[in-house]
Structures are given as structure tokens and as C-alpha cells.
All heavy atoms as atom14 arrays in JSON, in Angstrom:
{
  "sequence": "SLRRRLLKAAAAKTTGDKLAAFKGFKLSELKPDFPGVAEPRTGKSM",
  "atom14_mask": [
    [1, 1, 1, 1, 1, 1, 0, 0, 0, 0, 0, 0, 0, 0],
    [1, 1, 1, 1, 1, 1, 1, 1, 0, 0, 0, 0, 0, 0],
    [1, 1, 1, 1, 1, 1, 1, 1, 1, 1, 1, 0, 0, 0],
    [1, 1, 1, 1, 1, 1, 1, 1, 1, 1, 1, 0, 0, 0],
    [1, 1, 1, 1, 1, 1, 1, 1, 1, 1, 1, 0, 0, 0],
    [1, 1, 1, 1, 1, 1, 1, 1, 0, 0, 0, 0, 0, 0],
    [1, 1, 1, 1, 1, 1, 1, 1, 0, 0, 0, 0, 0, 0],
    [1, 1, 1, 1, 1, 1, 1, 1, 1, 0, 0, 0, 0, 0],
    [1, 1, 1, 1, 1, 0, 0, 0, 0, 0, 0, 0, 0, 0],
    [1, 1, 1, 1, 1, 0, 0, 0, 0, 0, 0, 0, 0, 0],
    [1, 1, 1, 1, 1, 0, 0, 0, 0, 0, 0, 0, 0, 0],
    [1, 1, 1, 1, 1, 0, 0, 0, 0, 0, 0, 0, 0, 0],
    [1, 1, 1, 1, 1, 1, 1, 1, 1, 0, 0, 0, 0, 0],
    [1, 1, 1, 1, 1, 1, 1, 0, 0, 0, 0, 0, 0, 0],
    [1, 1, 1, 1, 1, 1, 1, 0, 0, 0, 0, 0, 0, 0],
    [1, 1, 1, 1, 0, 0, 0, 0, 0, 0, 0, 0, 0, 0],
    [1, 1, 1, 1, 1, 1, 1, 1, 0, 0, 0, 0, 0, 0],
    [1, 1, 1, 1, 1, 1, 1, 1, 1, 0, 0, 0, 0, 0],
    [1, 1, 1, 1, 1, 1, 1, 1, 0, 0, 0, 0, 0, 0],
    [1, 1, 1, 1, 1, 0, 0, 0, 0, 0, 0, 0, 0, 0],
    [1, 1, 1, 1, 1, 0, 0, 0, 0, 0, 0, 0, 0, 0],
    [1, 1, 1, 1, 1, 1, 1, 1, 1, 1, 1, 0, 0, 0],
    [1, 1, 1, 1, 1, 1, 1, 1, 1, 0, 0, 0, 0, 0],
    [1, 1, 1, 1, 0, 0, 0, 0, 0, 0, 0, 0, 0, 0],
    [1, 1, 1, 1, 1, 1, 1, 1, 1, 1, 1, 0, 0, 0],
    [1, 1, 1, 1, 1, 1, 1, 1, 1, 0, 0, 0, 0, 0],
    [1, 1, 1, 1, 1, 1, 1, 1, 0, 0, 0, 0, 0, 0],
    [1, 1, 1, 1, 1, 1, 0, 0, 0, 0, 0, 0, 0, 0],
    [1, 1, 1, 1, 1, 1, 1, 1, 1, 0, 0, 0, 0, 0],
    [1, 1, 1, 1, 1, 1, 1, 1, 0, 0, 0, 0, 0, 0],
    [1, 1, 1, 1, 1, 1, 1, 1, 1, 0, 0, 0, 0, 0],
    [1, 1, 1, 1, 1, 1, 1, 0, 0, 0, 0, 0, 0, 0],
    [1, 1, 1, 1, 1, 1, 1, 1, 0, 0, 0, 0, 0, 0],
    [1, 1, 1, 1, 1, 1, 1, 1, 1, 1, 1, 0, 0, 0],
    [1, 1, 1, 1, 1, 1, 1, 0, 0, 0, 0, 0, 0, 0],
    [1, 1, 1, 1, 0, 0, 0, 0, 0, 0, 0, 0, 0, 0],
    [1, 1, 1, 1, 1, 1, 1, 0, 0, 0, 0, 0, 0, 0],
    [1, 1, 1, 1, 1, 0, 0, 0, 0, 0, 0, 0, 0, 0],
    [1, 1, 1, 1, 1, 1, 1, 1, 1, 0, 0, 0, 0, 0],
    [1, 1, 1, 1, 1, 1, 1, 0, 0, 0, 0, 0, 0, 0],
    [1, 1, 1, 1, 1, 1, 1, 1, 1, 1, 1, 0, 0, 0],
    [1, 1, 1, 1, 1, 1, 1, 0, 0, 0, 0, 0, 0, 0],
    [1, 1, 1, 1, 0, 0, 0, 0, 0, 0, 0, 0, 0, 0],
    [1, 1, 1, 1, 1, 1, 1, 1, 1, 0, 0, 0, 0, 0],
    [1, 1, 1, 1, 1, 1, 0, 0, 0, 0, 0, 0, 0, 0],
    [1, 1, 1, 1, 1, 1, 1, 1, 0, 0, 0, 0, 0, 0]
  ],
  "atom14_positions": [
    [[18.25, 43.98, 61.56], [18.2, 44.87, 60.51], [16.81, 45.31, 60.26], [16.43, 46.43, 60.11], [18.71, 44.2, 59.19], [18.6, 45.06, 58.1], [0.0, 0.0, 0.0], [0.0, 0.0, 0.0], [0.0, 0.0, 0.0], [0.0, 0.0, 0.0], [0.0, 0.0, 0.0], [0.0, 0.0, 0.0], [0.0, 0.0, 0.0], [0.0, 0.0, 0.0]],
    [[15.8, 44.29, 60.12], [14.4, 44.62, 59.83], [13.82, 45.29, 61.07], [12.98, 46.25, 60.91], [13.6, 43.36, 59.58], [12.15, 43.54, 59.18], [12.09, 44.51, 58.04], [11.61, 42.14, 58.73], [0.0, 0.0, 0.0], [0.0, 0.0, 0.0], [0.0, 0.0, 0.0], [0.0, 0.0, 0.0], [0.0, 0.0, 0.0], [0.0, 0.0, 0.0]],
    [[14.17, 44.93, 62.26], [13.6, 45.59, 63.43], [14.01, 47.18, 63.41], [13.16, 48.0, 63.72], [14.16, 45.03, 64.73], [13.61, 43.66, 65.0], [13.81, 43.37, 66.55], [15.14, 43.45, 67.05], [16.05, 42.37, 66.98], [15.64, 41.17, 66.42], [17.27, 42.56, 67.49], [0.0, 0.0, 0.0], [0.0, 0.0, 0.0], [0.0, 0.0, 0.0]],
    [[15.2, 47.47, 63.02], [15.59, 48.81, 62.96], [14.8, 49.57, 61.84], [14.38, 50.75, 62.04], [17.05, 48.98, 62.58], [18.05, 48.58, 63.74], [19.52, 48.56, 63.37], [20.33, 48.28, 64.48], [21.71, 48.11, 64.38], [22.26, 48.11, 63.11], [22.35, 47.86, 65.4], [0.0, 0.0, 0.0], [0.0, 0.0, 0.0], [0.0, 0.0, 0.0]],
    [[14.51, 48.9, 60.73], [13.76, 49.52, 59.65], [12.28, 49.8, 60.2], [11.74, 51.01, 59.95], [13.7, 48.62, 58.43], [14.99, 48.52, 57.71], [14.71, 47.61, 56.39], [15.95, 47.4, 55.74], [16.62, 48.22, 54.84], [16.07, 49.41, 54.66], [17.64, 47.8, 54.25], [0.0, 0.0, 0.0], [0.0, 0.0, 0.0], [0.0, 0.0, 0.0]],
    [[11.67, 48.86, 60.88], [10.35, 49.05, 61.31], [10.25, 50.07, 62.37], [9.31, 50.94, 62.41], [9.89, 47.65, 61.95], [9.61, 46.54, 60.93], [9.34, 45.22, 61.64], [8.52, 46.91, 60.07], [0.0, 0.0, 0.0], [0.0, 0.0, 0.0], [0.0, 0.0, 0.0], [0.0, 0.0, 0.0], [0.0, 0.0, 0.0], [0.0, 0.0, 0.0]],
    [[11.26, 50.24, 63.26], [11.25, 51.19, 64.29], [11.46, 52.71, 63.64], [10.82, 53.67, 64.02], [12.39, 50.99, 65.31], [12.18, 49.86, 66.22], [13.38, 49.51, 67.02], [11.0, 50.18, 67.27], [0.0, 0.0, 0.0], [0.0, 0.0, 0.0], [0.0, 0.0, 0.0], [0.0, 0.0, 0.0], [0.0, 0.0, 0.0], [0.0, 0.0, 0.0]],
    [[12.29, 52.67, 62.62], [12.49, 53.93, 61.87], [11.33, 54.39, 61.22], [10.9, 55.57, 61.18], [13.71, 53.78, 60.94], [14.07, 55.12, 60.27], [15.33, 54.82, 59.32], [15.76, 56.15, 58.61], [16.87, 55.99, 57.78], [0.0, 0.0, 0.0], [0.0, 0.0, 0.0], [0.0, 0.0, 0.0], [0.0, 0.0, 0.0], [0.0, 0.0, 0.0]],
    [[10.56, 53.44, 60.57], [9.37, 53.7, 59.94], [8.28, 54.19, 60.83], [7.47, 55.06, 60.55], [8.83, 52.54, 59.13], [0.0, 0.0, 0.0], [0.0, 0.0, 0.0], [0.0, 0.0, 0.0], [0.0, 0.0, 0.0], [0.0, 0.0, 0.0], [0.0, 0.0, 0.0], [0.0, 0.0, 0.0], [0.0, 0.0, 0.0], [0.0, 0.0, 0.0]],
    [[8.17, 53.55, 62.05], [7.27, 54.0, 63.04], [7.47, 55.36, 63.54], [6.52, 56.08, 63.84], [7.26, 52.92, 64.15], [0.0, 0.0, 0.0], [0.0, 0.0, 0.0], [0.0, 0.0, 0.0], [0.0, 0.0, 0.0], [0.0, 0.0, 0.0], [0.0, 0.0, 0.0], [0.0, 0.0, 0.0], [0.0, 0.0, 0.0], [0.0, 0.0, 0.0]],
    [[8.67, 55.79, 63.62], [9.0, 57.11, 64.08], [8.88, 58.24, 63.09], [8.91, 59.38, 63.39], [10.44, 57.07, 64.67], [0.0, 0.0, 0.0], [0.0, 0.0, 0.0], [0.0, 0.0, 0.0], [0.0, 0.0, 0.0], [0.0, 0.0, 0.0], [0.0, 0.0, 0.0], [0.0, 0.0, 0.0], [0.0, 0.0, 0.0], [0.0, 0.0, 0.0]],
    [[8.85, 57.73, 61.74], [8.81, 58.74, 60.66], [7.52, 59.58, 60.67], [6.39, 59.04, 60.99], [8.95, 58.02, 59.29], [0.0, 0.0, 0.0], [0.0, 0.0, 0.0], [0.0, 0.0, 0.0], [0.0, 0.0, 0.0], [0.0, 0.0, 0.0], [0.0, 0.0, 0.0], [0.0, 0.0, 0.0], [0.0, 0.0, 0.0], [0.0, 0.0, 0.0]],
    [[7.7, 60.83, 60.28], [6.48, 61.68, 60.22], [5.76, 61.73, 58.96], [4.55, 61.99, 58.97], [6.98, 63.05, 60.62], [7.64, 63.22, 61.99], [6.75, 62.85, 63.08], [7.54, 63.12, 64.4], [6.67, 62.72, 65.58], [0.0, 0.0, 0.0], [0.0, 0.0, 0.0], [0.0, 0.0, 0.0], [0.0, 0.0, 0.0], [0.0, 0.0, 0.0]],
    [[6.37, 61.42, 57.85], [5.79, 61.53, 56.52], [5.85, 60.18, 55.87], [6.61, 59.33, 56.21], [6.56, 62.47, 55.57], [7.88, 62.08, 55.37], [6.58, 63.9, 56.35], [0.0, 0.0, 0.0], [0.0, 0.0, 0.0], [0.0, 0.0, 0.0], [0.0, 0.0, 0.0], [0.0, 0.0, 0.0], [0.0, 0.0, 0.0], [0.0, 0.0, 0.0]],
    [[4.96, 59.98, 54.87], [4.85, 58.85, 54.07], [6.24, 58.49, 53.36], [6.77, 57.43, 53.35], [3.74, 58.91, 52.96], [2.54, 59.04, 53.68], [3.79, 57.57, 52.23], [0.0, 0.0, 0.0], [0.0, 0.0, 0.0], [0.0, 0.0, 0.0], [0.0, 0.0, 0.0], [0.0, 0.0, 0.0], [0.0, 0.0, 0.0], [0.0, 0.0, 0.0]],
    [[6.81, 59.63, 52.89], [8.16, 59.5, 52.19], [9.19, 58.93, 53.09], [10.07, 58.13, 52.72], [0.0, 0.0, 0.0], [0.0, 0.0, 0.0], [0.0, 0.0, 0.0], [0.0, 0.0, 0.0], [0.0, 0.0, 0.0], [0.0, 0.0, 0.0], [0.0, 0.0, 0.0], [0.0, 0.0, 0.0], [0.0, 0.0, 0.0], [0.0, 0.0, 0.0]],
    [[9.24, 59.54, 54.32], [10.31, 59.03, 55.28], [9.99, 57.58, 55.71], [10.9, 56.84, 55.95], [10.19, 59.93, 56.62], [10.77, 61.32, 56.26], [11.51, 61.38, 55.31], [10.54, 62.34, 57.04], [0.0, 0.0, 0.0], [0.0, 0.0, 0.0], [0.0, 0.0, 0.0], [0.0, 0.0, 0.0], [0.0, 0.0, 0.0], [0.0, 0.0, 0.0]],
    [[8.68, 57.23, 55.79], [8.35, 55.84, 56.16], [8.9, 54.92, 55.02], [9.4, 53.82, 55.29], [6.78, 55.61, 56.3], [6.3, 56.32, 57.55], [4.82, 56.1, 57.6], [4.18, 56.82, 58.86], [4.7, 56.37, 60.19], [0.0, 0.0, 0.0], [0.0, 0.0, 0.0], [0.0, 0.0, 0.0], [0.0, 0.0, 0.0], [0.0, 0.0, 0.0]],
    [[8.68, 55.23, 53.74], [9.11, 54.47, 52.63], [10.61, 54.4, 52.6], [11.35, 53.43, 52.28], [8.58, 54.93, 51.36], [7.0, 54.79, 51.17], [6.53, 55.6, 49.87], [6.59, 53.41, 51.06], [0.0, 0.0, 0.0], [0.0, 0.0, 0.0], [0.0, 0.0, 0.0], [0.0, 0.0, 0.0], [0.0, 0.0, 0.0], [0.0, 0.0, 0.0]],
    [[11.25, 55.58, 52.94], [12.68, 55.6, 52.95], [13.42, 54.59, 53.86], [14.57, 54.2, 53.66], [13.21, 57.06, 53.2], [0.0, 0.0, 0.0], [0.0, 0.0, 0.0], [0.0, 0.0, 0.0], [0.0, 0.0, 0.0], [0.0, 0.0, 0.0], [0.0, 0.0, 0.0], [0.0, 0.0, 0.0], [0.0, 0.0, 0.0], [0.0, 0.0, 0.0]],
    [[12.63, 54.33, 54.99], [13.22, 53.42, 55.97], [13.46, 52.01, 55.35], [14.33, 51.27, 55.88], [12.28, 53.24, 57.11], [0.0, 0.0, 0.0], [0.0, 0.0, 0.0], [0.0, 0.0, 0.0], [0.0, 0.0, 0.0], [0.0, 0.0, 0.0], [0.0, 0.0, 0.0], [0.0, 0.0, 0.0], [0.0, 0.0, 0.0], [0.0, 0.0, 0.0]],
    [[12.74, 51.74, 54.3], [12.87, 50.39, 53.62], [13.74, 50.41, 52.36], [13.82, 49.38, 51.63], [11.63, 49.81, 53.23], [10.7, 49.48, 54.43], [9.8, 50.47, 55.09], [10.82, 48.28, 55.16], [9.06, 50.18, 56.17], [10.09, 48.08, 56.38], [9.24, 49.03, 56.8], [0.0, 0.0, 0.0], [0.0, 0.0, 0.0], [0.0, 0.0, 0.0]],
    [[14.55, 51.51, 52.12], [15.4, 51.54, 50.97], [16.5, 50.5, 51.17], [17.08, 50.37, 52.22], [15.95, 53.01, 50.86], [16.85, 53.15, 49.7], [17.39, 54.59, 49.64], [18.28, 54.75, 48.38], [18.86, 56.17, 48.26], [0.0, 0.0, 0.0], [0.0, 0.0, 0.0], [0.0, 0.0, 0.0], [0.0, 0.0, 0.0], [0.0, 0.0, 0.0]],
    [[16.74, 49.71, 50.15], [17.78, 48.71, 50.17], [17.3, 47.44, 50.88], [18.18, 46.47, 51.11], [0.0, 0.0, 0.0], [0.0, 0.0, 0.0], [0.0, 0.0, 0.0], [0.0, 0.0, 0.0], [0.0, 0.0, 0.0], [0.0, 0.0, 0.0], [0.0, 0.0, 0.0], [0.0, 0.0, 0.0], [0.0, 0.0, 0.0], [0.0, 0.0, 0.0]],
    [[16.0, 47.38, 51.12], [15.54, 46.1, 51.87], [15.86, 44.85, 50.98], [15.65, 44.87, 49.74], [14.02, 46.23, 52.05], [13.28, 45.02, 52.51], [13.45, 44.64, 53.78], [12.62, 44.19, 51.59], [12.92, 43.39, 54.21], [12.01, 42.99, 52.02], [12.13, 42.55, 53.33], [0.0, 0.0, 0.0], [0.0, 0.0, 0.0], [0.0, 0.0, 0.0]],
    [[16.23, 43.73, 51.65], [16.47, 42.51, 51.07], [15.61, 41.35, 51.69], [15.28, 41.47, 52.9], [17.99, 42.15, 51.27], [18.99, 43.08, 50.74], [20.45, 42.7, 51.03], [21.47, 43.7, 50.45], [22.85, 43.31, 50.85], [0.0, 0.0, 0.0], [0.0, 0.0, 0.0], [0.0, 0.0, 0.0], [0.0, 0.0, 0.0], [0.0, 0.0, 0.0]],
    [[15.25, 40.49, 50.92], [14.33, 39.35, 51.35], [14.99, 38.56, 52.56], [14.27, 38.08, 53.42], [14.01, 38.45, 50.26], [13.04, 38.97, 49.25], [12.78, 37.99, 48.11], [11.61, 39.26, 49.91], [0.0, 0.0, 0.0], [0.0, 0.0, 0.0], [0.0, 0.0, 0.0], [0.0, 0.0, 0.0], [0.0, 0.0, 0.0], [0.0, 0.0, 0.0]],
    [[16.35, 38.57, 52.53], [17.05, 37.85, 53.63], [16.81, 38.43, 55.03], [16.96, 37.79, 56.04], [18.57, 37.79, 53.33], [19.04, 39.09, 53.26], [0.0, 0.0, 0.0], [0.0, 0.0, 0.0], [0.0, 0.0, 0.0], [0.0, 0.0, 0.0], [0.0, 0.0, 0.0], [0.0, 0.0, 0.0], [0.0, 0.0, 0.0], [0.0, 0.0, 0.0]],
    [[16.29, 39.72, 55.05], [16.04, 40.34, 56.26], [14.9, 39.76, 57.0], [14.59, 40.01, 58.16], [15.9, 41.83, 56.09], [17.19, 42.53, 55.65], [17.0, 44.1, 55.4], [16.2, 44.62, 56.08], [17.68, 44.58, 54.53], [0.0, 0.0, 0.0], [0.0, 0.0, 0.0], [0.0, 0.0, 0.0], [0.0, 0.0, 0.0], [0.0, 0.0, 0.0]],
    [[14.05, 39.01, 56.2], [12.87, 38.37, 56.81], [13.19, 37.11, 57.6], [12.32, 36.68, 58.34], [11.88, 38.07, 55.64], [11.22, 39.11, 54.98], [10.46, 38.54, 53.77], [10.32, 39.92, 55.86], [0.0, 0.0, 0.0], [0.0, 0.0, 0.0], [0.0, 0.0, 0.0], [0.0, 0.0, 0.0], [0.0, 0.0, 0.0], [0.0, 0.0, 0.0]],
    [[14.37, 36.66, 57.51], [14.88, 35.53, 58.31], [14.7, 35.93, 59.86], [15.32, 36.86, 60.29], [16.25, 35.1, 57.98], [16.66, 34.02, 58.8], [18.05, 33.53, 58.41], [18.64, 32.32, 59.13], [20.02, 31.94, 58.8], [0.0, 0.0, 0.0], [0.0, 0.0, 0.0], [0.0, 0.0, 0.0], [0.0, 0.0, 0.0], [0.0, 0.0, 0.0]],
    [[13.96, 35.13, 60.63], [13.71, 35.54, 62.03], [14.93, 35.06, 62.88], [15.78, 34.2, 62.51], [12.5, 34.62, 62.47], [12.59, 33.46, 61.48], [13.22, 33.9, 60.24], [0.0, 0.0, 0.0], [0.0, 0.0, 0.0], [0.0, 0.0, 0.0], [0.0, 0.0, 0.0], [0.0, 0.0, 0.0], [0.0, 0.0, 0.0], [0.0, 0.0, 0.0]],
    [[14.94, 35.69, 64.05], [15.92, 35.27, 65.13], [15.13, 34.42, 66.07], [14.16, 34.72, 66.62], [16.43, 36.53, 65.84], [17.47, 37.17, 65.07], [17.94, 36.75, 64.02], [17.81, 38.43, 65.42], [0.0, 0.0, 0.0], [0.0, 0.0, 0.0], [0.0, 0.0, 0.0], [0.0, 0.0, 0.0], [0.0, 0.0, 0.0], [0.0, 0.0, 0.0]],
    [[15.81, 33.2, 66.33], [15.29, 32.3, 67.34], [16.1, 32.43, 68.7], [17.2, 32.9, 68.69], [15.41, 30.84, 66.85], [14.59, 30.48, 65.72], [14.98, 30.68, 64.44], [13.22, 29.96, 65.89], [14.19, 30.37, 63.36], [12.42, 29.66, 64.8], [12.93, 29.85, 63.52], [0.0, 0.0, 0.0], [0.0, 0.0, 0.0], [0.0, 0.0, 0.0]],
    [[15.44, 32.14, 69.8], [16.11, 32.18, 71.07], [17.35, 31.24, 71.03], [17.35, 30.15, 70.57], [15.09, 31.7, 72.1], [13.76, 31.84, 71.42], [14.03, 31.66, 69.93], [0.0, 0.0, 0.0], [0.0, 0.0, 0.0], [0.0, 0.0, 0.0], [0.0, 0.0, 0.0], [0.0, 0.0, 0.0], [0.0, 0.0, 0.0], [0.0, 0.0, 0.0]],
    [[18.46, 31.75, 71.63], [19.61, 31.08, 71.69], [19.92, 30.58, 73.02], [19.43, 31.14, 74.04], [0.0, 0.0, 0.0], [0.0, 0.0, 0.0], [0.0, 0.0, 0.0], [0.0, 0.0, 0.0], [0.0, 0.0, 0.0], [0.0, 0.0, 0.0], [0.0, 0.0, 0.0], [0.0, 0.0, 0.0], [0.0, 0.0, 0.0], [0.0, 0.0, 0.0]],
    [[20.74, 29.5, 73.22], [21.07, 28.97, 74.49], [22.59, 29.17, 74.74], [23.05, 28.73, 75.76], [20.77, 27.51, 74.63], [19.19, 27.3, 74.61], [21.36, 26.7, 73.46], [0.0, 0.0, 0.0], [0.0, 0.0, 0.0], [0.0, 0.0, 0.0], [0.0, 0.0, 0.0], [0.0, 0.0, 0.0], [0.0, 0.0, 0.0], [0.0, 0.0, 0.0]],
    [[23.22, 29.83, 73.93], [24.67, 30.09, 74.07], [24.88, 31.2, 75.17], [24.04, 32.16, 75.3], [25.35, 30.51, 72.78], [0.0, 0.0, 0.0], [0.0, 0.0, 0.0], [0.0, 0.0, 0.0], [0.0, 0.0, 0.0], [0.0, 0.0, 0.0], [0.0, 0.0, 0.0], [0.0, 0.0, 0.0], [0.0, 0.0, 0.0], [0.0, 0.0, 0.0]],
    [[25.97, 31.17, 75.97], [26.23, 32.18, 76.85], [26.68, 33.43, 76.1], [27.64, 33.38, 75.22], [27.43, 31.71, 77.71], [27.06, 30.56, 78.76], [26.16, 31.22, 79.83], [26.13, 32.37, 80.12], [25.36, 30.42, 80.35], [0.0, 0.0, 0.0], [0.0, 0.0, 0.0], [0.0, 0.0, 0.0], [0.0, 0.0, 0.0], [0.0, 0.0, 0.0]],
    [[26.11, 34.51, 76.34], [26.4, 35.8, 75.49], [27.88, 36.14, 75.68], [28.41, 36.73, 74.71], [25.53, 36.83, 76.18], [24.37, 36.07, 76.86], [24.95, 34.79, 77.29], [0.0, 0.0, 0.0], [0.0, 0.0, 0.0], [0.0, 0.0, 0.0], [0.0, 0.0, 0.0], [0.0, 0.0, 0.0], [0.0, 0.0, 0.0], [0.0, 0.0, 0.0]],
    [[28.47, 35.84, 76.77], [29.91, 36.32, 76.98], [30.98, 35.35, 76.38], [32.11, 35.73, 76.23], [30.22, 36.58, 78.39], [29.26, 37.82, 78.84], [29.62, 38.15, 80.29], [28.88, 39.35, 80.7], [29.17, 40.55, 80.47], [30.45, 40.9, 79.87], [28.43, 41.62, 80.86], [0.0, 0.0, 0.0], [0.0, 0.0, 0.0], [0.0, 0.0, 0.0]],
    [[30.56, 34.22, 76.01], [31.54, 33.25, 75.5], [31.11, 32.68, 74.09], [31.95, 32.19, 73.37], [31.74, 32.07, 76.43], [30.5, 31.34, 76.56], [32.17, 32.49, 77.79], [0.0, 0.0, 0.0], [0.0, 0.0, 0.0], [0.0, 0.0, 0.0], [0.0, 0.0, 0.0], [0.0, 0.0, 0.0], [0.0, 0.0, 0.0], [0.0, 0.0, 0.0]],
    [[29.81, 32.74, 73.8], [29.26, 32.19, 72.61], [29.15, 30.75, 72.59], [28.84, 30.11, 71.62], [0.0, 0.0, 0.0], [0.0, 0.0, 0.0], [0.0, 0.0, 0.0], [0.0, 0.0, 0.0], [0.0, 0.0, 0.0], [0.0, 0.0, 0.0], [0.0, 0.0, 0.0], [0.0, 0.0, 0.0], [0.0, 0.0, 0.0], [0.0, 0.0, 0.0]],
    [[29.48, 30.07, 73.72], [29.43, 28.62, 73.86], [28.09, 28.19, 74.52], [27.66, 28.93, 75.48], [30.65, 28.19, 74.62], [31.98, 28.41, 73.93], [33.17, 28.2, 74.83], [33.3, 26.78, 75.31], [34.58, 26.57, 76.14], [0.0, 0.0, 0.0], [0.0, 0.0, 0.0], [0.0, 0.0, 0.0], [0.0, 0.0, 0.0], [0.0, 0.0, 0.0]],
    [[27.62, 27.05, 74.17], [26.44, 26.55, 74.79], [26.83, 25.99, 76.1], [27.98, 25.7, 76.48], [25.84, 25.41, 73.96], [26.63, 24.22, 73.97], [0.0, 0.0, 0.0], [0.0, 0.0, 0.0], [0.0, 0.0, 0.0], [0.0, 0.0, 0.0], [0.0, 0.0, 0.0], [0.0, 0.0, 0.0], [0.0, 0.0, 0.0], [0.0, 0.0, 0.0]],
    [[25.75, 25.77, 76.99], [25.98, 25.21, 78.31], [26.6, 23.75, 78.13], [27.46, 23.33, 78.93], [24.65, 25.09, 79.05], [24.72, 24.57, 80.56], [23.27, 24.42, 81.4], [22.81, 26.29, 81.49], [0.0, 0.0, 0.0], [0.0, 0.0, 0.0], [0.0, 0.0, 0.0], [0.0, 0.0, 0.0], [0.0, 0.0, 0.0], [0.0, 0.0, 0.0]]
  ]
}
């Protein structure tokens, strides 16, 4: 979610559009993604 906002803001041409990219932002979006060891096609670990 946050990555999409940042990419949208980076592509925006105006300050208003950049700010609009963060409309509805929640603190929970700051939670990072850690590397996973699960198989993408099964969701199960080795």
C-alpha cells in the first residue's frame, strides 16, 4: 500500500497531486514487509 502511494507521489506533476497520493494514509501502512521463506505457489514453508 505504501509503495503504491510513494510511486504515485513520485510520478505526480504537482504538489497537490503529490499530497493526494497520501489521502487516507494509515499508520499501519508503515509496517514493513520482511522476506518470506514460504513457497509462493503453496504458501507453505520448506
